[in-house]
Amino acid sequence: MACSEPPPELTCVLFPGIVKNVDKAIQCLGGIRNISQVYSQSVKKLSLSFRPEDPFMKKIYGECRKTAGVLLKVKIKKTKIDNELKKEVISTTVVGQVKRIHKFESMCDFQYLPIQREPSGAYQCILDKIFPSGLDNFDFMTESGPMHIVPSTFTRADRPYNYAYTNKRHPEKTEYSDKVLNIHRKSRVIPKLKYVFSLTNELPSEPNEYCLKRINQKIKLQPQVAQELETVKKMFNERPIWSYNMLNYQTKYRMAVLKLILPCVAVYMPNGPWKQLWVRFGYDPRKIPESRVYQILDVRVRHTAGMNAMIMKRDQLTQFKRADRDRRIEKVGVDDGCNPEEVEEGAVCFRPGIVPTQRQMFYQVLFVLLFYKC
């Protein structure tokens, strides 16, 4: 008796909707190419967009899970006798065995449509007005357009969850005796001047005494740090606002040294127009119109053809830097002057011919050389 071949292995995609047109359903999943990439890469999630032509659509992502199932092909004969529909199974065939399944269980009700209400009350799509058709020129940057601002994040969690509501504003702290081990880790209290952006509050004008004490102790152990401190001060006198990457790119100083020097020279802004930048003490960019060139632009590269091979993801870049650092240490040693923390030009400057190091980068307007020349 001849042994039959085992059925092929299949991957199931549980589409969250009624599929009437298979081509449109595949287009919502990103096309055959995107489905093939997800199938070949087990870590990547399958994305779904109900409006593939809308770039502002918030996609939902499906989880890939292992399963054990069988896909059957069943032929049914339908006959109608005396206004009664009877069904009869003619044949049943095994098409394949299902080993993986993609399920979409996240929420998809947070959407911002690119539409504008007209005086007549009707709504009109403004996608052509707010989205450039090409990169031939930059006239769209100077022309006025409709106001359509999409929030950076819609929700902190993609899936709904039960929230434990309580009337207590602050949870009760559990006191431990001396004999019981305290499992709560105390946070490291290192004073660092952070200025939450506001239009009324004044900026700090002096560094923290703790930071000055730390840098003086470092200078006693390593006298060359004093020269590095003077170099950074001179750079802030020439330009009042700097980013950490630009300082590292120009000075080639180590991260540990810059972490000690920067709090003694400038104040850090975690948000606002000068997000993630260091502002010199005594300089208020809100009162000086010329400081607009130091503001931050959020540059993001879309997932176009071939972009995956040119720009790494954030997690892939971290793994690459870690592996590259290990290779450098094994090759030249730790004490040979190798600096694995060196910043590339694509991380601080955006100009023709330079590819960003990541898909999302924060550039200062001063160093976006497409429409500003310094």
Protein backbone atom coordinates (compact mmCIF):
# COMPACT_ATOMS: atom_id res chain seq x y z
CA MET A 1 0.00 0.00 0.00
CA ALA A 2 1.54 3.33 -1.08
CA CYS A 3 2.07 5.93 1.62
CA SER A 4 0.41 9.27 0.82
CA GLU A 5 2.34 12.52 1.17
CA PRO A 6 1.61 14.64 4.25
CA PRO A 7 -0.52 17.73 3.64
CA PRO A 8 1.35 21.03 3.25
CA GLU A 9 1.80 23.41 6.17
CA LEU A 10 -0.35 26.55 6.01
CA THR A 11 -0.55 29.85 7.89
CA CYS A 12 -3.99 31.21 8.76
CA VAL A 13 -4.88 34.91 8.87
CA LEU A 14 -8.08 35.60 10.79
CA PHE A 15 -9.31 38.75 9.01
CA PRO A 16 -11.46 40.95 11.31
CA GLY A 17 -14.28 41.44 8.83
CA ILE A 18 -16.40 39.88 6.14
CA VAL A 19 -14.24 39.37 3.04
CA LYS A 20 -16.15 39.93 -0.20
CA ASN A 21 -13.14 40.92 -2.32
CA VAL A 22 -9.95 38.93 -1.73
CA ASP A 23 -7.72 41.46 -3.56
CA LYS A 24 -8.88 44.32 -1.33
CA ALA A 25 -8.36 42.20 1.77
CA ILE A 26 -4.78 41.46 0.70
CA GLN A 27 -4.25 45.17 0.04
CA CYS A 28 -5.44 45.95 3.59
CA LEU A 29 -2.78 43.55 4.89
CA GLY A 30 -0.04 45.43 3.02
CA GLY A 31 0.03 43.35 -0.13
CA ILE A 32 1.64 40.04 -0.98
CA ARG A 33 5.11 41.45 -0.33
CA ASN A 34 4.35 42.50 3.24
CA ILE A 35 2.64 39.18 3.96
CA SER A 36 5.68 37.32 2.62
CA GLN A 37 8.04 39.36 4.81
CA VAL A 38 5.96 38.63 7.90
CA TYR A 39 5.86 34.94 6.99
CA SER A 40 9.64 34.76 6.59
CA GLN A 41 10.36 36.78 9.77
CA SER A 42 8.73 35.18 12.79
CA VAL A 43 9.35 38.25 14.98
CA LYS A 44 7.57 40.75 12.74
CA LYS A 45 3.86 41.37 13.27
CA LEU A 46 1.29 41.47 10.51
CA SER A 47 -0.30 44.92 10.14
CA LEU A 48 -3.77 45.71 8.87
CA SER A 49 -5.12 49.01 7.58
CA PHE A 50 -8.78 49.45 6.73
CA ARG A 51 -7.86 52.44 4.52
CA PRO A 52 -4.59 51.51 2.75
CA GLU A 53 -4.57 54.72 0.68
CA ASP A 54 -4.66 56.90 3.84
CA PRO A 55 -1.15 57.34 5.40
CA PHE A 56 -2.72 58.76 8.60
CA MET A 57 -4.60 55.54 9.28
CA LYS A 58 -3.73 53.96 12.63
CA LYS A 59 -2.88 50.35 11.85
CA ILE A 60 -3.66 47.39 14.03
CA TYR A 61 -1.23 44.53 14.47
CA GLY A 62 -1.98 40.85 14.79
CA GLU A 63 -0.36 38.37 17.11
CA CYS A 64 1.15 35.23 15.59
CA ARG A 65 0.38 32.15 17.65
CA LYS A 66 1.03 28.47 17.26
CA THR A 67 -2.00 26.30 16.66
CA ALA A 68 -2.98 22.85 15.49
CA GLY A 69 -5.67 22.83 12.84
CA VAL A 70 -6.71 21.37 9.54
CA LEU A 71 -8.08 23.17 6.49
CA LEU A 72 -10.83 21.19 4.82
CA LYS A 73 -12.45 21.58 1.42
CA VAL A 74 -16.05 20.50 1.60
CA LYS A 75 -18.38 20.18 -1.41
CA ILE A 76 -22.07 20.50 -0.61
CA LYS A 77 -24.95 19.83 -2.93
CA LYS A 78 -27.98 22.03 -2.37
CA THR A 79 -31.39 20.93 -3.54
CA LYS A 80 -34.72 22.67 -3.08
CA ILE A 81 -37.76 20.46 -2.63
CA ASP A 82 -41.15 21.93 -1.74
CA ASN A 83 -39.63 25.25 -0.71
CA GLU A 84 -37.21 23.44 1.59
CA LEU A 85 -33.47 23.70 1.08
CA LYS A 86 -31.62 20.46 1.69
CA LYS A 87 -27.83 20.18 1.90
CA GLU A 88 -25.85 17.05 1.21
CA VAL A 89 -22.09 16.63 1.66
CA ILE A 90 -20.62 15.13 -1.48
CA SER A 91 -16.89 15.07 -0.70
CA THR A 92 -14.39 16.23 1.91
CA THR A 93 -10.72 16.86 1.13
CA VAL A 94 -7.84 17.86 3.41
CA VAL A 95 -6.08 20.89 1.91
CA GLY A 96 -3.36 21.35 4.52
CA GLN A 97 -2.42 21.54 8.17
CA VAL A 98 -2.42 24.93 9.94
CA LYS A 99 0.58 25.48 12.23
CA ARG A 100 0.36 29.27 12.77
CA ILE A 101 -2.50 31.74 12.97
CA HIS A 102 -2.55 35.56 12.97
CA LYS A 103 -5.28 37.10 15.13
CA PHE A 104 -6.17 40.79 15.35
CA GLU A 105 -7.36 41.48 18.88
CA SER A 106 -6.31 45.12 19.33
CA MET A 107 -8.62 48.12 19.27
CA CYS A 108 -9.10 50.06 16.05
CA ASP A 109 -11.61 52.74 17.03
CA PHE A 110 -9.08 55.59 17.46
CA GLN A 111 -8.91 57.21 14.03
CA TYR A 112 -8.33 60.73 12.67
CA LEU A 113 -9.78 61.16 9.18
CA PRO A 114 -8.20 63.68 6.78
CA ILE A 115 -11.49 65.45 6.08
CA GLN A 116 -12.70 69.04 6.35
CA ARG A 117 -16.23 70.32 6.76
CA GLU A 118 -17.42 72.74 4.10
CA PRO A 119 -19.86 75.63 4.69
CA SER A 120 -22.61 73.57 3.05
CA GLY A 121 -22.22 70.93 5.77
CA ALA A 122 -20.67 68.25 3.55
CA TYR A 123 -17.25 66.73 4.27
CA GLN A 124 -14.39 66.81 1.77
CA CYS A 125 -11.20 64.73 1.77
CA ILE A 126 -8.10 66.95 2.12
CA LEU A 127 -5.47 64.24 1.73
CA ASP A 128 -4.07 65.78 -1.47
CA LYS A 129 -3.65 69.15 0.25
CA ILE A 130 -1.75 68.00 3.32
CA PHE A 131 0.31 65.16 1.86
CA PRO A 132 3.00 66.03 -0.74
CA SER A 133 2.86 64.17 -4.03
CA GLY A 134 6.64 64.10 -4.51
CA LEU A 135 10.00 65.58 -3.57
CA ASP A 136 10.69 67.63 -6.69
CA ASN A 137 10.44 70.95 -4.83
CA PHE A 138 9.53 72.30 -1.42
CA ASP A 139 6.82 74.77 -2.36
CA PHE A 140 4.36 72.93 -0.14
CA MET A 141 6.40 74.06 2.89
CA THR A 142 5.67 77.74 2.18
CA GLU A 143 2.07 77.46 1.00
CA SER A 144 -0.76 77.57 3.52
CA GLY A 145 -2.68 74.37 4.09
CA PRO A 146 -5.56 73.05 6.14
CA MET A 147 -5.06 72.31 9.82
CA HIS A 148 -4.78 68.56 10.36
CA ILE A 149 -2.65 67.52 13.34
CA VAL A 150 -2.56 63.83 14.18
CA PRO A 151 -1.65 62.95 17.79
CA SER A 152 1.62 61.10 18.26
CA THR A 153 -0.04 58.38 20.34
CA PHE A 154 -3.66 57.31 20.52
CA THR A 155 -3.65 55.03 23.54
CA ARG A 156 -1.07 53.52 25.86
CA ALA A 157 -2.40 49.99 25.32
CA ASP A 158 -3.73 48.43 22.14
CA ARG A 159 -5.92 45.96 23.99
CA PRO A 160 -8.70 46.81 26.44
CA TYR A 161 -8.04 45.90 30.04
CA ASN A 162 -9.85 46.14 33.35
CA TYR A 163 -8.78 49.16 35.37
CA ALA A 164 -8.85 48.89 39.16
CA TYR A 165 -10.62 52.10 40.19
CA THR A 166 -10.09 53.30 43.75
CA ASN A 167 -10.95 56.33 45.85
CA LYS A 168 -7.46 56.51 47.32
CA ARG A 169 -5.29 59.05 45.61
CA HIS A 170 -2.02 57.61 46.88
CA PRO A 171 -1.51 53.94 47.74
CA GLU A 172 -0.66 53.04 51.27
CA LYS A 173 3.02 52.45 51.94
CA THR A 174 3.95 49.21 53.62
CA GLU A 175 6.41 49.59 56.45
CA TYR A 176 8.96 46.84 56.91
CA SER A 177 10.77 45.98 60.09
CA ASP A 178 14.52 45.67 60.35
CA LYS A 179 14.35 41.89 60.18
CA VAL A 180 12.33 41.84 56.97
CA LEU A 181 14.07 42.46 53.67
CA ASN A 182 12.72 45.54 51.89
CA ILE A 183 11.98 44.41 48.35
CA HIS A 184 11.33 47.93 47.06
CA ARG A 185 14.37 49.46 45.41
CA LYS A 186 15.11 53.07 46.29
CA SER A 187 15.52 55.33 43.29
CA ARG A 188 18.88 56.90 42.59
CA VAL A 189 18.63 60.55 43.56
CA ILE A 190 21.04 62.41 41.28
CA PRO A 191 20.08 66.08 40.91
CA LYS A 192 19.65 67.00 37.27
CA LEU A 193 18.08 70.26 36.22
CA LYS A 194 15.12 69.55 33.96
CA TYR A 195 12.91 72.35 32.72
CA VAL A 196 9.36 71.44 31.80
CA PHE A 197 8.47 73.80 28.98
CA SER A 198 6.22 76.69 29.95
CA LEU A 199 5.60 80.22 28.70
CA THR A 200 5.74 81.82 32.16
CA ASN A 201 8.23 79.95 34.36
CA GLU A 202 11.81 81.19 34.44
CA LEU A 203 14.70 79.00 33.34
CA PRO A 204 17.41 78.04 35.86
CA SER A 205 20.43 80.33 35.74
CA GLU A 206 22.93 78.31 37.80
CA PRO A 207 23.94 74.65 37.95
CA ASN A 208 23.25 72.43 40.91
CA GLU A 209 25.89 72.34 43.65
CA TYR A 210 25.92 68.56 43.55
CA CYS A 211 26.88 68.59 39.85
CA LEU A 212 29.72 71.05 40.51
CA LYS A 213 30.96 68.88 43.35
CA ARG A 214 31.00 65.77 41.15
CA ILE A 215 32.88 67.48 38.31
CA ASN A 216 35.50 68.86 40.73
CA GLN A 217 36.06 65.38 42.15
CA LYS A 218 36.44 64.04 38.63
CA ILE A 219 38.99 66.73 37.75
CA LYS A 220 41.12 65.77 40.76
CA LEU A 221 41.23 62.18 39.53
CA GLN A 222 41.51 62.98 35.83
CA PRO A 223 42.99 66.46 35.13
CA GLN A 224 42.16 66.25 31.41
CA VAL A 225 38.47 66.62 32.27
CA ALA A 226 39.11 70.33 33.04
CA GLN A 227 40.21 70.91 29.44
CA GLU A 228 37.17 69.05 28.17
CA LEU A 229 34.93 71.19 30.38
CA GLU A 230 36.42 74.39 28.98
CA THR A 231 35.94 73.08 25.44
CA VAL A 232 32.25 72.42 26.03
CA LYS A 233 31.81 75.85 27.66
CA LYS A 234 33.40 77.49 24.62
CA MET A 235 31.03 75.61 22.31
CA PHE A 236 28.01 76.78 24.33
CA ASN A 237 29.30 80.37 24.15
CA GLU A 238 29.38 80.10 20.37
CA ARG A 239 25.98 78.39 20.15
CA PRO A 240 23.61 78.48 23.14
CA ILE A 241 21.65 75.27 22.40
CA TRP A 242 23.18 71.88 21.67
CA SER A 243 22.08 68.30 21.44
CA TYR A 244 23.97 65.46 23.04
CA ASN A 245 24.55 63.72 19.68
CA MET A 246 25.99 66.87 18.09
CA LEU A 247 28.37 67.40 21.02
CA ASN A 248 29.47 63.80 20.83
CA TYR A 249 29.85 64.04 17.04
CA GLN A 250 32.12 67.12 17.21
CA THR A 251 34.09 66.47 20.40
CA LYS A 252 34.27 62.63 20.35
CA TYR A 253 34.07 62.69 24.16
CA ARG A 254 32.89 59.67 26.07
CA MET A 255 29.33 59.47 27.37
CA ALA A 256 30.47 59.30 31.00
CA VAL A 257 32.36 62.60 30.61
CA LEU A 258 29.51 64.43 28.89
CA LYS A 259 27.07 63.29 31.57
CA LEU A 260 29.22 65.10 34.13
CA ILE A 261 29.96 68.21 32.07
CA LEU A 262 26.53 69.04 30.60
CA PRO A 263 24.63 69.60 33.92
CA CYS A 264 27.34 72.11 34.88
CA VAL A 265 26.95 74.14 31.69
CA ALA A 266 23.32 73.90 30.55
CA VAL A 267 19.80 72.90 31.53
CA TYR A 268 18.04 69.95 29.92
CA MET A 269 14.63 70.35 28.22
CA PRO A 270 12.68 67.06 28.08
CA ASN A 271 9.75 68.51 26.13
CA GLY A 272 8.60 71.53 24.16
CA PRO A 273 9.99 73.01 20.91
CA TRP A 274 13.56 72.40 22.15
CA LYS A 275 12.90 68.82 23.19
CA GLN A 276 15.92 66.71 24.22
CA LEU A 277 18.28 69.69 23.93
CA TRP A 278 20.65 71.39 26.38
CA VAL A 279 20.20 75.15 26.81
CA ARG A 280 23.00 77.30 28.22
CA PHE A 281 22.41 78.80 31.65
CA GLY A 282 21.22 82.39 31.35
CA TYR A 283 19.86 81.97 27.81
CA ASP A 284 16.07 82.03 27.32
CA PRO A 285 15.14 80.83 23.80
CA ARG A 286 11.51 81.89 24.28
CA LYS A 287 12.49 85.58 24.29
CA ILE A 288 14.86 85.47 21.31
CA PRO A 289 13.23 84.90 17.88
CA GLU A 290 16.55 83.80 16.36
CA SER A 291 16.51 80.69 18.55
CA ARG A 292 13.82 79.12 16.37
CA VAL A 293 16.54 77.56 14.22
CA TYR A 294 17.54 75.41 17.20
CA GLN A 295 14.10 73.81 17.52
CA ILE A 296 13.58 70.08 17.04
CA LEU A 297 11.99 68.45 14.00
CA ASP A 298 10.66 64.90 14.20
CA VAL A 299 11.79 63.23 10.94
CA ARG A 300 10.36 59.80 10.16
CA VAL A 301 11.16 57.58 7.18
CA ARG A 302 8.24 55.66 5.76
CA HIS A 303 8.37 51.91 5.11
CA THR A 304 8.94 52.11 1.37
CA ALA A 305 10.58 49.62 -0.97
CA GLY A 306 14.11 48.79 0.05
CA MET A 307 14.04 50.91 3.22
CA ASN A 308 14.35 47.87 5.47
CA ALA A 309 17.72 47.11 3.91
CA MET A 310 18.98 50.73 4.27
CA ILE A 311 17.76 51.74 7.74
CA MET A 312 17.61 49.46 10.75
CA LYS A 313 14.90 49.27 13.33
CA ARG A 314 15.61 50.58 16.81
CA ASP A 315 15.91 47.11 18.34
CA GLN A 316 18.05 45.87 15.46
CA LEU A 317 20.33 48.93 15.79
CA THR A 318 20.81 48.25 19.51
CA GLN A 319 21.76 44.65 18.83
CA PHE A 320 24.11 45.73 16.01
CA LYS A 321 25.87 48.29 18.21
CA ARG A 322 26.27 45.76 20.98
CA ALA A 323 27.71 43.13 18.64
CA ASP A 324 29.93 45.68 16.89
CA ARG A 325 31.23 46.91 20.25
CA ASP A 326 32.12 43.36 21.30
CA ARG A 327 33.94 42.80 18.02
CA ARG A 328 35.94 46.02 18.45
CA ILE A 329 36.91 45.14 22.00
CA GLU A 330 38.10 41.68 20.90
CA LYS A 331 40.02 43.14 17.97
CA VAL A 332 41.82 46.21 19.37
CA GLY A 333 41.28 45.92 23.13
CA VAL A 334 39.71 48.31 25.58
CA ASP A 335 42.74 50.56 26.13
CA ASP A 336 43.56 51.22 22.47
CA GLY A 337 41.51 54.45 22.25
CA CYS A 338 38.51 52.85 20.57
CA ASN A 339 35.27 54.78 21.06
CA PRO A 340 32.25 52.55 20.36
CA GLU A 341 29.93 55.46 21.31
CA GLU A 342 30.89 57.52 18.25
CA VAL A 343 27.93 59.24 16.56
CA GLU A 344 27.57 59.18 12.78
CA GLU A 345 26.72 62.18 10.62
CA GLY A 346 23.28 60.79 9.77
CA ALA A 347 22.28 61.05 13.44
CA VAL A 348 22.86 64.83 13.65
CA CYS A 349 22.47 66.19 10.12
CA PHE A 350 19.84 65.64 7.44
CA ARG A 351 20.98 66.53 3.94
CA PRO A 352 20.89 64.99 0.45
CA GLY A 353 23.08 61.92 0.22
CA ILE A 354 22.95 61.07 3.93
CA VAL A 355 20.69 58.25 5.13
CA PRO A 356 19.28 58.61 8.69
CA THR A 357 20.63 56.07 11.13
CA GLN A 358 17.11 55.22 12.35
CA ARG A 359 13.58 55.42 10.99
CA GLN A 360 12.68 58.13 13.50
CA MET A 361 15.19 60.89 14.18
CA PHE A 362 15.12 64.24 15.99
CA TYR A 363 17.00 66.92 14.05
CA GLN A 364 17.48 70.59 14.81
CA VAL A 365 16.16 72.94 12.14
CA LEU A 366 19.68 74.33 11.85
CA PHE A 367 20.96 70.98 10.59
CA VAL A 368 18.14 70.13 8.18
CA LEU A 369 19.96 71.37 5.11
CA LEU A 370 17.11 70.80 2.65
CA PHE A 371 15.39 74.12 3.25
CA TYR A 372 17.77 75.90 5.66
CA LYS A 373 21.35 76.84 4.88
CA CYS A 374 23.66 77.77 7.73
